[in-house]
Amino acid sequence: GSGPAPGPVALVLQDVTEARRVEAVRRDFVANVGHELKT
């Protein structure tokens, strides 16, 4: 309602496992490409 007392807490969870894995692969790929091209 309009009272000051806090009510329930809602937690919304979104799985980001694959997104983080892709980000890590992309970072590694860019780093490896840079190293391989430098040689």
ModelCIF file with pLDDT and N, C-alpha, C, O atoms, coordinates in Angstrom:
data_MODEL
#
_entry.id   MODEL 
#
_entity.id                         1 
_entity.type                       polymer 
_entity.pdbx_number_of_molecules   1 
#
_entity_poly.entity_id                      1 
_entity_poly.type                           'polypeptide(L)' 
_entity_poly.nstd_linkage                   no 
_entity_poly.nstd_monomer                   no 
_entity_poly.pdbx_seq_one_letter_code       GSGPAPGPVALVLQDVTEARRVEAVRRDFVANVGHELKT 
_entity_poly.pdbx_seq_one_letter_code_can   GSGPAPGPVALVLQDVTEARRVEAVRRDFVANVGHELKT 
_entity_poly.pdbx_strand_id                 A 
#
loop_
_entity_poly_seq.entity_id 
_entity_poly_seq.num 
_entity_poly_seq.mon_id 
_entity_poly_seq.hetero 
1 1  GLY n 
1 2  SER n 
1 3  GLY n 
1 4  PRO n 
1 5  ALA n 
1 6  PRO n 
1 7  GLY n 
1 8  PRO n 
1 9  VAL n 
1 10 ALA n 
1 11 LEU n 
1 12 VAL n 
1 13 LEU n 
1 14 GLN n 
1 15 ASP n 
1 16 VAL n 
1 17 THR n 
1 18 GLU n 
1 19 ALA n 
1 20 ARG n 
1 21 ARG n 
1 22 VAL n 
1 23 GLU n 
1 24 ALA n 
1 25 VAL n 
1 26 ARG n 
1 27 ARG n 
1 28 ASP n 
1 29 PHE n 
1 30 VAL n 
1 31 ALA n 
1 32 ASN n 
1 33 VAL n 
1 34 GLY n 
1 35 HIS n 
1 36 GLU n 
1 37 LEU n 
1 38 LYS n 
1 39 THR n 
#
_struct_asym.id          A 
_struct_asym.entity_id   1 
#
loop_
_ma_qa_metric.id 
_ma_qa_metric.mode 
_ma_qa_metric.name 
_ma_qa_metric.software_group_id 
_ma_qa_metric.type 
1 global pLDDT . pLDDT 
2 local  pLDDT . pLDDT 
#
_ma_qa_metric_global.metric_id      1 
_ma_qa_metric_global.metric_value   73.62 
_ma_qa_metric_global.model_id       1 
_ma_qa_metric_global.ordinal_id     1 
#
loop_
_ma_qa_metric_local.label_asym_id 
_ma_qa_metric_local.label_comp_id 
_ma_qa_metric_local.label_seq_id 
_ma_qa_metric_local.metric_id 
_ma_qa_metric_local.metric_value 
_ma_qa_metric_local.model_id 
_ma_qa_metric_local.ordinal_id 
A GLY 1  2 45.00 1 1  
A SER 2  2 49.00 1 2  
A GLY 3  2 52.00 1 3  
A PRO 4  2 56.00 1 4  
A ALA 5  2 57.00 1 5  
A PRO 6  2 62.00 1 6  
A GLY 7  2 72.00 1 7  
A PRO 8  2 85.00 1 8  
A VAL 9  2 89.00 1 9  
A ALA 10 2 90.00 1 10 
A LEU 11 2 91.00 1 11 
A VAL 12 2 92.00 1 12 
A LEU 13 2 91.00 1 13 
A GLN 14 2 90.00 1 14 
A ASP 15 2 88.00 1 15 
A VAL 16 2 88.00 1 16 
A THR 17 2 85.00 1 17 
A GLU 18 2 83.00 1 18 
A ALA 19 2 84.00 1 19 
A ARG 20 2 85.00 1 20 
A ARG 21 2 78.00 1 21 
A VAL 22 2 73.00 1 22 
A GLU 23 2 79.00 1 23 
A ALA 24 2 74.00 1 24 
A VAL 25 2 68.00 1 25 
A ARG 26 2 71.00 1 26 
A ARG 27 2 73.00 1 27 
A ASP 28 2 67.00 1 28 
A PHE 29 2 66.00 1 29 
A VAL 30 2 70.00 1 30 
A ALA 31 2 67.00 1 31 
A ASN 32 2 66.00 1 32 
A VAL 33 2 69.00 1 33 
A GLY 34 2 70.00 1 34 
A HIS 35 2 63.00 1 35 
A GLU 36 2 65.00 1 36 
A LEU 37 2 74.00 1 37 
A LYS 38 2 74.00 1 38 
A THR 39 2 70.00 1 39 
#
loop_
_atom_site.group_PDB 
_atom_site.id 
_atom_site.type_symbol 
_atom_site.label_atom_id 
_atom_site.label_alt_id 
_atom_site.label_comp_id 
_atom_site.label_asym_id 
_atom_site.label_entity_id 
_atom_site.label_seq_id 
_atom_site.pdbx_PDB_ins_code 
_atom_site.Cartn_x 
_atom_site.Cartn_y 
_atom_site.Cartn_z 
_atom_site.occupancy 
_atom_site.B_iso_or_equiv 
_atom_site.pdbx_formal_charge 
_atom_site.auth_seq_id 
_atom_site.auth_comp_id 
_atom_site.auth_asym_id 
_atom_site.auth_atom_id 
_atom_site.pdbx_PDB_model_num 
ATOM 1   N N  . GLY A 1 1  ? 0.832  -1.199  0.000   1.00 45.00 ? 1  GLY A N  1 
ATOM 2   C CA . GLY A 1 1  ? 0.000  0.000   0.000   1.00 45.00 ? 1  GLY A CA 1 
ATOM 3   C C  . GLY A 1 1  ? 0.861  1.242   0.000   1.00 45.00 ? 1  GLY A C  1 
ATOM 4   O O  . GLY A 1 1  ? 1.878  1.296   -0.692  1.00 45.00 ? 1  GLY A O  1 
ATOM 5   N N  . SER A 1 2  ? 0.465  2.241   0.770   1.00 49.00 ? 2  SER A N  1 
ATOM 6   C CA . SER A 1 2  ? 1.197  3.504   0.833   1.00 49.00 ? 2  SER A CA 1 
ATOM 7   C C  . SER A 1 2  ? 1.956  3.650   2.137   1.00 49.00 ? 2  SER A C  1 
ATOM 8   O O  . SER A 1 2  ? 2.534  4.706   2.396   1.00 49.00 ? 2  SER A O  1 
ATOM 9   N N  . GLY A 1 3  ? 1.969  2.616   2.962   1.00 52.00 ? 3  GLY A N  1 
ATOM 10  C CA . GLY A 1 3  ? 2.659  2.701   4.243   1.00 52.00 ? 3  GLY A CA 1 
ATOM 11  C C  . GLY A 1 3  ? 4.151  2.652   4.080   1.00 52.00 ? 3  GLY A C  1 
ATOM 12  O O  . GLY A 1 3  ? 4.644  2.244   3.028   1.00 52.00 ? 3  GLY A O  1 
ATOM 13  N N  . PRO A 1 4  ? 4.899  3.066   5.113   1.00 56.00 ? 4  PRO A N  1 
ATOM 14  C CA . PRO A 1 4  ? 6.355  3.110   5.024   1.00 56.00 ? 4  PRO A CA 1 
ATOM 15  C C  . PRO A 1 4  ? 7.012  1.743   5.233   1.00 56.00 ? 4  PRO A C  1 
ATOM 16  O O  . PRO A 1 4  ? 8.167  1.553   4.850   1.00 56.00 ? 4  PRO A O  1 
ATOM 17  N N  . ALA A 1 5  ? 6.306  0.807   5.824   1.00 57.00 ? 5  ALA A N  1 
ATOM 18  C CA . ALA A 1 5  ? 6.921  -0.486  6.123   1.00 57.00 ? 5  ALA A CA 1 
ATOM 19  C C  . ALA A 1 5  ? 7.222  -1.244  4.833   1.00 57.00 ? 5  ALA A C  1 
ATOM 20  O O  . ALA A 1 5  ? 6.363  -1.339  3.957   1.00 57.00 ? 5  ALA A O  1 
ATOM 21  N N  . PRO A 1 6  ? 8.441  -1.788  4.709   1.00 62.00 ? 6  PRO A N  1 
ATOM 22  C CA . PRO A 1 6  ? 8.788  -2.532  3.501   1.00 62.00 ? 6  PRO A CA 1 
ATOM 23  C C  . PRO A 1 6  ? 7.998  -3.831  3.406   1.00 62.00 ? 6  PRO A C  1 
ATOM 24  O O  . PRO A 1 6  ? 7.759  -4.511  4.404   1.00 62.00 ? 6  PRO A O  1 
ATOM 25  N N  . GLY A 1 7  ? 7.611  -4.148  2.214   1.00 72.00 ? 7  GLY A N  1 
ATOM 26  C CA . GLY A 1 7  ? 6.905  -5.396  1.990   1.00 72.00 ? 7  GLY A CA 1 
ATOM 27  C C  . GLY A 1 7  ? 7.855  -6.480  1.527   1.00 72.00 ? 7  GLY A C  1 
ATOM 28  O O  . GLY A 1 7  ? 9.044  -6.441  1.844   1.00 72.00 ? 7  GLY A O  1 
ATOM 29  N N  . PRO A 1 8  ? 7.346  -7.446  0.783   1.00 85.00 ? 8  PRO A N  1 
ATOM 30  C CA . PRO A 1 8  ? 8.205  -8.540  0.296   1.00 85.00 ? 8  PRO A CA 1 
ATOM 31  C C  . PRO A 1 8  ? 9.298  -8.026  -0.647  1.00 85.00 ? 8  PRO A C  1 
ATOM 32  O O  . PRO A 1 8  ? 9.231  -6.917  -1.177  1.00 85.00 ? 8  PRO A O  1 
ATOM 33  N N  . VAL A 1 9  ? 10.292 -8.873  -0.827  1.00 89.00 ? 9  VAL A N  1 
ATOM 34  C CA . VAL A 1 9  ? 11.393 -8.581  -1.750  1.00 89.00 ? 9  VAL A CA 1 
ATOM 35  C C  . VAL A 1 9  ? 11.309 -9.552  -2.918  1.00 89.00 ? 9  VAL A C  1 
ATOM 36  O O  . VAL A 1 9  ? 11.204 -10.763 -2.723  1.00 89.00 ? 9  VAL A O  1 
ATOM 37  N N  . ALA A 1 10 ? 11.357 -9.019  -4.122  1.00 90.00 ? 10 ALA A N  1 
ATOM 38  C CA . ALA A 1 10 ? 11.356 -9.840  -5.336  1.00 90.00 ? 10 ALA A CA 1 
ATOM 39  C C  . ALA A 1 10 ? 12.771 -9.920  -5.889  1.00 90.00 ? 10 ALA A C  1 
ATOM 40  O O  . ALA A 1 10 ? 13.456 -8.907  -6.033  1.00 90.00 ? 10 ALA A O  1 
ATOM 41  N N  . LEU A 1 11 ? 13.195 -11.137 -6.195  1.00 91.00 ? 11 LEU A N  1 
ATOM 42  C CA . LEU A 1 11 ? 14.489 -11.376 -6.848  1.00 91.00 ? 11 LEU A CA 1 
ATOM 43  C C  . LEU A 1 11 ? 14.228 -11.943 -8.235  1.00 91.00 ? 11 LEU A C  1 
ATOM 44  O O  . LEU A 1 11 ? 13.550 -12.961 -8.371  1.00 91.00 ? 11 LEU A O  1 
ATOM 45  N N  . VAL A 1 12 ? 14.757 -11.300 -9.256  1.00 92.00 ? 12 VAL A N  1 
ATOM 46  C CA . VAL A 1 12 ? 14.622 -11.755 -10.641 1.00 92.00 ? 12 VAL A CA 1 
ATOM 47  C C  . VAL A 1 12 ? 16.008 -12.171 -11.128 1.00 92.00 ? 12 VAL A C  1 
ATOM 48  O O  . VAL A 1 12 ? 16.933 -11.359 -11.159 1.00 92.00 ? 12 VAL A O  1 
ATOM 49  N N  . LEU A 1 13 ? 16.146 -13.443 -11.507 1.00 91.00 ? 13 LEU A N  1 
ATOM 50  C CA . LEU A 1 13 ? 17.447 -14.004 -11.880 1.00 91.00 ? 13 LEU A CA 1 
ATOM 51  C C  . LEU A 1 13 ? 17.469 -14.329 -13.370 1.00 91.00 ? 13 LEU A C  1 
ATOM 52  O O  . LEU A 1 13 ? 16.597 -15.038 -13.874 1.00 91.00 ? 13 LEU A O  1 
ATOM 53  N N  . GLN A 1 14 ? 18.468 -13.808 -14.065 1.00 90.00 ? 14 GLN A N  1 
ATOM 54  C CA . GLN A 1 14 ? 18.666 -14.081 -15.487 1.00 90.00 ? 14 GLN A CA 1 
ATOM 55  C C  . GLN A 1 14 ? 19.995 -14.810 -15.661 1.00 90.00 ? 14 GLN A C  1 
ATOM 56  O O  . GLN A 1 14 ? 21.035 -14.312 -15.228 1.00 90.00 ? 14 GLN A O  1 
ATOM 57  N N  . ASP A 1 15 ? 19.970 -15.995 -16.295 1.00 88.00 ? 15 ASP A N  1 
ATOM 58  C CA . ASP A 1 15 ? 21.187 -16.778 -16.495 1.00 88.00 ? 15 ASP A CA 1 
ATOM 59  C C  . ASP A 1 15 ? 22.092 -16.080 -17.520 1.00 88.00 ? 15 ASP A C  1 
ATOM 60  O O  . ASP A 1 15 ? 21.698 -15.883 -18.669 1.00 88.00 ? 15 ASP A O  1 
ATOM 61  N N  . VAL A 1 16 ? 23.295 -15.712 -17.098 1.00 88.00 ? 16 VAL A N  1 
ATOM 62  C CA . VAL A 1 16 ? 24.245 -15.041 -17.995 1.00 88.00 ? 16 VAL A CA 1 
ATOM 63  C C  . VAL A 1 16 ? 25.505 -15.878 -18.187 1.00 88.00 ? 16 VAL A C  1 
ATOM 64  O O  . VAL A 1 16 ? 26.540 -15.366 -18.613 1.00 88.00 ? 16 VAL A O  1 
ATOM 65  N N  . THR A 1 17 ? 25.409 -17.181 -17.868 1.00 85.00 ? 17 THR A N  1 
ATOM 66  C CA . THR A 1 17 ? 26.583 -18.056 -17.952 1.00 85.00 ? 17 THR A CA 1 
ATOM 67  C C  . THR A 1 17 ? 27.176 -18.062 -19.351 1.00 85.00 ? 17 THR A C  1 
ATOM 68  O O  . THR A 1 17 ? 28.380 -17.867 -19.518 1.00 85.00 ? 17 THR A O  1 
ATOM 69  N N  . GLU A 1 18 ? 26.334 -18.286 -20.361 1.00 83.00 ? 18 GLU A N  1 
ATOM 70  C CA . GLU A 1 18 ? 26.818 -18.367 -21.735 1.00 83.00 ? 18 GLU A CA 1 
ATOM 71  C C  . GLU A 1 18 ? 27.361 -17.025 -22.200 1.00 83.00 ? 18 GLU A C  1 
ATOM 72  O O  . GLU A 1 18 ? 28.372 -16.970 -22.900 1.00 83.00 ? 18 GLU A O  1 
ATOM 73  N N  . ALA A 1 19 ? 26.696 -15.943 -21.814 1.00 84.00 ? 19 ALA A N  1 
ATOM 74  C CA . ALA A 1 19 ? 27.173 -14.615 -22.213 1.00 84.00 ? 19 ALA A CA 1 
ATOM 75  C C  . ALA A 1 19 ? 28.558 -14.341 -21.649 1.00 84.00 ? 19 ALA A C  1 
ATOM 76  O O  . ALA A 1 19 ? 29.418 -13.808 -22.350 1.00 84.00 ? 19 ALA A O  1 
ATOM 77  N N  . ARG A 1 20 ? 28.784 -14.701 -20.384 1.00 85.00 ? 20 ARG A N  1 
ATOM 78  C CA . ARG A 1 20 ? 30.105 -14.494 -19.785 1.00 85.00 ? 20 ARG A CA 1 
ATOM 79  C C  . ARG A 1 20 ? 31.152 -15.386 -20.435 1.00 85.00 ? 20 ARG A C  1 
ATOM 80  O O  . ARG A 1 20 ? 32.298 -14.974 -20.615 1.00 85.00 ? 20 ARG A O  1 
ATOM 81  N N  . ARG A 1 21 ? 30.760 -16.617 -20.790 1.00 78.00 ? 21 ARG A N  1 
ATOM 82  C CA . ARG A 1 21 ? 31.707 -17.516 -21.455 1.00 78.00 ? 21 ARG A CA 1 
ATOM 83  C C  . ARG A 1 21 ? 32.118 -16.949 -22.811 1.00 78.00 ? 21 ARG A C  1 
ATOM 84  O O  . ARG A 1 21 ? 33.294 -16.972 -23.171 1.00 78.00 ? 21 ARG A O  1 
ATOM 85  N N  . VAL A 1 22 ? 31.143 -16.442 -23.555 1.00 73.00 ? 22 VAL A N  1 
ATOM 86  C CA . VAL A 1 22 ? 31.439 -15.866 -24.873 1.00 73.00 ? 22 VAL A CA 1 
ATOM 87  C C  . VAL A 1 22 ? 32.345 -14.648 -24.725 1.00 73.00 ? 22 VAL A C  1 
ATOM 88  O O  . VAL A 1 22 ? 33.267 -14.461 -25.519 1.00 73.00 ? 22 VAL A O  1 
ATOM 89  N N  . GLU A 1 23 ? 32.089 -13.826 -23.720 1.00 79.00 ? 23 GLU A N  1 
ATOM 90  C CA . GLU A 1 23 ? 32.940 -12.660 -23.483 1.00 79.00 ? 23 GLU A CA 1 
ATOM 91  C C  . GLU A 1 23 ? 34.375 -13.084 -23.195 1.00 79.00 ? 23 GLU A C  1 
ATOM 92  O O  . GLU A 1 23 ? 35.321 -12.480 -23.702 1.00 79.00 ? 23 GLU A O  1 
ATOM 93  N N  . ALA A 1 24 ? 34.535 -14.130 -22.374 1.00 74.00 ? 24 ALA A N  1 
ATOM 94  C CA . ALA A 1 24 ? 35.880 -14.606 -22.045 1.00 74.00 ? 24 ALA A CA 1 
ATOM 95  C C  . ALA A 1 24 ? 36.583 -15.158 -23.285 1.00 74.00 ? 24 ALA A C  1 
ATOM 96  O O  . ALA A 1 24 ? 37.770 -14.909 -23.497 1.00 74.00 ? 24 ALA A O  1 
ATOM 97  N N  . VAL A 1 25 ? 35.838 -15.910 -24.106 1.00 68.00 ? 25 VAL A N  1 
ATOM 98  C CA . VAL A 1 25 ? 36.416 -16.454 -25.338 1.00 68.00 ? 25 VAL A CA 1 
ATOM 99  C C  . VAL A 1 25 ? 36.837 -15.327 -26.264 1.00 68.00 ? 25 VAL A C  1 
ATOM 100 O O  . VAL A 1 25 ? 37.902 -15.382 -26.880 1.00 68.00 ? 25 VAL A O  1 
ATOM 101 N N  . ARG A 1 26 ? 35.986 -14.291 -26.360 1.00 71.00 ? 26 ARG A N  1 
ATOM 102 C CA . ARG A 1 26 ? 36.320 -13.157 -27.233 1.00 71.00 ? 26 ARG A CA 1 
ATOM 103 C C  . ARG A 1 26 ? 37.579 -12.437 -26.739 1.00 71.00 ? 26 ARG A C  1 
ATOM 104 O O  . ARG A 1 26 ? 38.443 -12.071 -27.535 1.00 71.00 ? 26 ARG A O  1 
ATOM 105 N N  . ARG A 1 27 ? 37.675 -12.237 -25.426 1.00 73.00 ? 27 ARG A N  1 
ATOM 106 C CA . ARG A 1 27 ? 38.874 -11.578 -24.888 1.00 73.00 ? 27 ARG A CA 1 
ATOM 107 C C  . ARG A 1 27 ? 40.125 -12.402 -25.173 1.00 73.00 ? 27 ARG A C  1 
ATOM 108 O O  . ARG A 1 27 ? 41.150 -11.866 -25.595 1.00 73.00 ? 27 ARG A O  1 
ATOM 109 N N  . ASP A 1 28 ? 40.032 -13.718 -24.937 1.00 67.00 ? 28 ASP A N  1 
ATOM 110 C CA . ASP A 1 28 ? 41.182 -14.582 -25.197 1.00 67.00 ? 28 ASP A CA 1 
ATOM 111 C C  . ASP A 1 28 ? 41.552 -14.575 -26.679 1.00 67.00 ? 28 ASP A C  1 
ATOM 112 O O  . ASP A 1 28 ? 42.726 -14.565 -27.047 1.00 67.00 ? 28 ASP A O  1 
ATOM 113 N N  . PHE A 1 29 ? 40.516 -14.579 -27.516 1.00 66.00 ? 29 PHE A N  1 
ATOM 114 C CA . PHE A 1 29 ? 40.767 -14.612 -28.955 1.00 66.00 ? 29 PHE A CA 1 
ATOM 115 C C  . PHE A 1 29 ? 41.495 -13.356 -29.411 1.00 66.00 ? 29 PHE A C  1 
ATOM 116 O O  . PHE A 1 29 ? 42.467 -13.435 -30.161 1.00 66.00 ? 29 PHE A O  1 
ATOM 117 N N  . VAL A 1 30 ? 41.027 -12.204 -28.960 1.00 70.00 ? 30 VAL A N  1 
ATOM 118 C CA . VAL A 1 30 ? 41.671 -10.941 -29.328 1.00 70.00 ? 30 VAL A CA 1 
ATOM 119 C C  . VAL A 1 30 ? 43.106 -10.899 -28.828 1.00 70.00 ? 30 VAL A C  1 
ATOM 120 O O  . VAL A 1 30 ? 44.008 -10.462 -29.543 1.00 70.00 ? 30 VAL A O  1 
ATOM 121 N N  . ALA A 1 31 ? 43.314 -11.360 -27.583 1.00 67.00 ? 31 ALA A N  1 
ATOM 122 C CA . ALA A 1 31 ? 44.675 -11.370 -27.034 1.00 67.00 ? 31 ALA A CA 1 
ATOM 123 C C  . ALA A 1 31 ? 45.578 -12.307 -27.828 1.00 67.00 ? 31 ALA A C  1 
ATOM 124 O O  . ALA A 1 31 ? 46.729 -11.971 -28.107 1.00 67.00 ? 31 ALA A O  1 
ATOM 125 N N  . ASN A 1 32 ? 45.059 -13.490 -28.197 1.00 66.00 ? 32 ASN A N  1 
ATOM 126 C CA . ASN A 1 32 ? 45.858 -14.458 -28.945 1.00 66.00 ? 32 ASN A CA 1 
ATOM 127 C C  . ASN A 1 32 ? 46.167 -13.960 -30.353 1.00 66.00 ? 32 ASN A C  1 
ATOM 128 O O  . ASN A 1 32 ? 47.280 -14.128 -30.851 1.00 66.00 ? 32 ASN A O  1 
ATOM 129 N N  . VAL A 1 33 ? 45.172 -13.348 -30.987 1.00 69.00 ? 33 VAL A N  1 
ATOM 130 C CA . VAL A 1 33 ? 45.408 -12.813 -32.330 1.00 69.00 ? 33 VAL A CA 1 
ATOM 131 C C  . VAL A 1 33 ? 46.497 -11.753 -32.293 1.00 69.00 ? 33 VAL A C  1 
ATOM 132 O O  . VAL A 1 33 ? 47.398 -11.739 -33.132 1.00 69.00 ? 33 VAL A O  1 
ATOM 133 N N  . GLY A 1 34 ? 46.402 -10.864 -31.306 1.00 70.00 ? 34 GLY A N  1 
ATOM 134 C CA . GLY A 1 34 ? 47.427 -9.830  -31.183 1.00 70.00 ? 34 GLY A CA 1 
ATOM 135 C C  . GLY A 1 34 ? 48.819 -10.417 -30.998 1.00 70.00 ? 34 GLY A C  1 
ATOM 136 O O  . GLY A 1 34 ? 49.787 -9.946  -31.595 1.00 70.00 ? 34 GLY A O  1 
ATOM 137 N N  . HIS A 1 35 ? 48.909 -11.451 -30.167 1.00 63.00 ? 35 HIS A N  1 
ATOM 138 C CA . HIS A 1 35 ? 50.211 -12.081 -29.924 1.00 63.00 ? 35 HIS A CA 1 
ATOM 139 C C  . HIS A 1 35 ? 50.726 -12.763 -31.189 1.00 63.00 ? 35 HIS A C  1 
ATOM 140 O O  . HIS A 1 35 ? 51.900 -12.633 -31.538 1.00 63.00 ? 35 HIS A O  1 
ATOM 141 N N  . GLU A 1 36 ? 49.841 -13.491 -31.874 1.00 65.00 ? 36 GLU A N  1 
ATOM 142 C CA . GLU A 1 36 ? 50.267 -14.222 -33.065 1.00 65.00 ? 36 GLU A CA 1 
ATOM 143 C C  . GLU A 1 36 ? 50.674 -13.271 -34.194 1.00 65.00 ? 36 GLU A C  1 
ATOM 144 O O  . GLU A 1 36 ? 51.603 -13.568 -34.945 1.00 65.00 ? 36 GLU A O  1 
ATOM 145 N N  . LEU A 1 37 ? 49.997 -12.149 -34.317 1.00 74.00 ? 37 LEU A N  1 
ATOM 146 C CA . LEU A 1 37 ? 50.340 -11.202 -35.377 1.00 74.00 ? 37 LEU A CA 1 
ATOM 147 C C  . LEU A 1 37 ? 51.644 -10.470 -35.085 1.00 74.00 ? 37 LEU A C  1 
ATOM 148 O O  . LEU A 1 37 ? 52.384 -10.117 -36.003 1.00 74.00 ? 37 LEU A O  1 
ATOM 149 N N  . LYS A 1 38 ? 51.924 -10.243 -33.794 1.00 74.00 ? 38 LYS A N  1 
ATOM 150 C CA . LYS A 1 38 ? 53.148 -9.511  -33.456 1.00 74.00 ? 38 LYS A CA 1 
ATOM 151 C C  . LYS A 1 38 ? 54.401 -10.260 -33.885 1.00 74.00 ? 38 LYS A C  1 
ATOM 152 O O  . LYS A 1 38 ? 55.396 -9.641  -34.261 1.00 74.00 ? 38 LYS A O  1 
ATOM 153 N N  . THR A 1 39 ? 54.361 -11.593 -33.830 1.00 70.00 ? 39 THR A N  1 
ATOM 154 C CA . THR A 1 39 ? 55.573 -12.368 -34.120 1.00 70.00 ? 39 THR A CA 1 
ATOM 155 C C  . THR A 1 39 ? 56.052 -12.188 -35.561 1.00 70.00 ? 39 THR A C  1 
ATOM 156 O O  . THR A 1 39 ? 57.060 -12.776 -35.954 1.00 70.00 ? 39 THR A O  1 
#
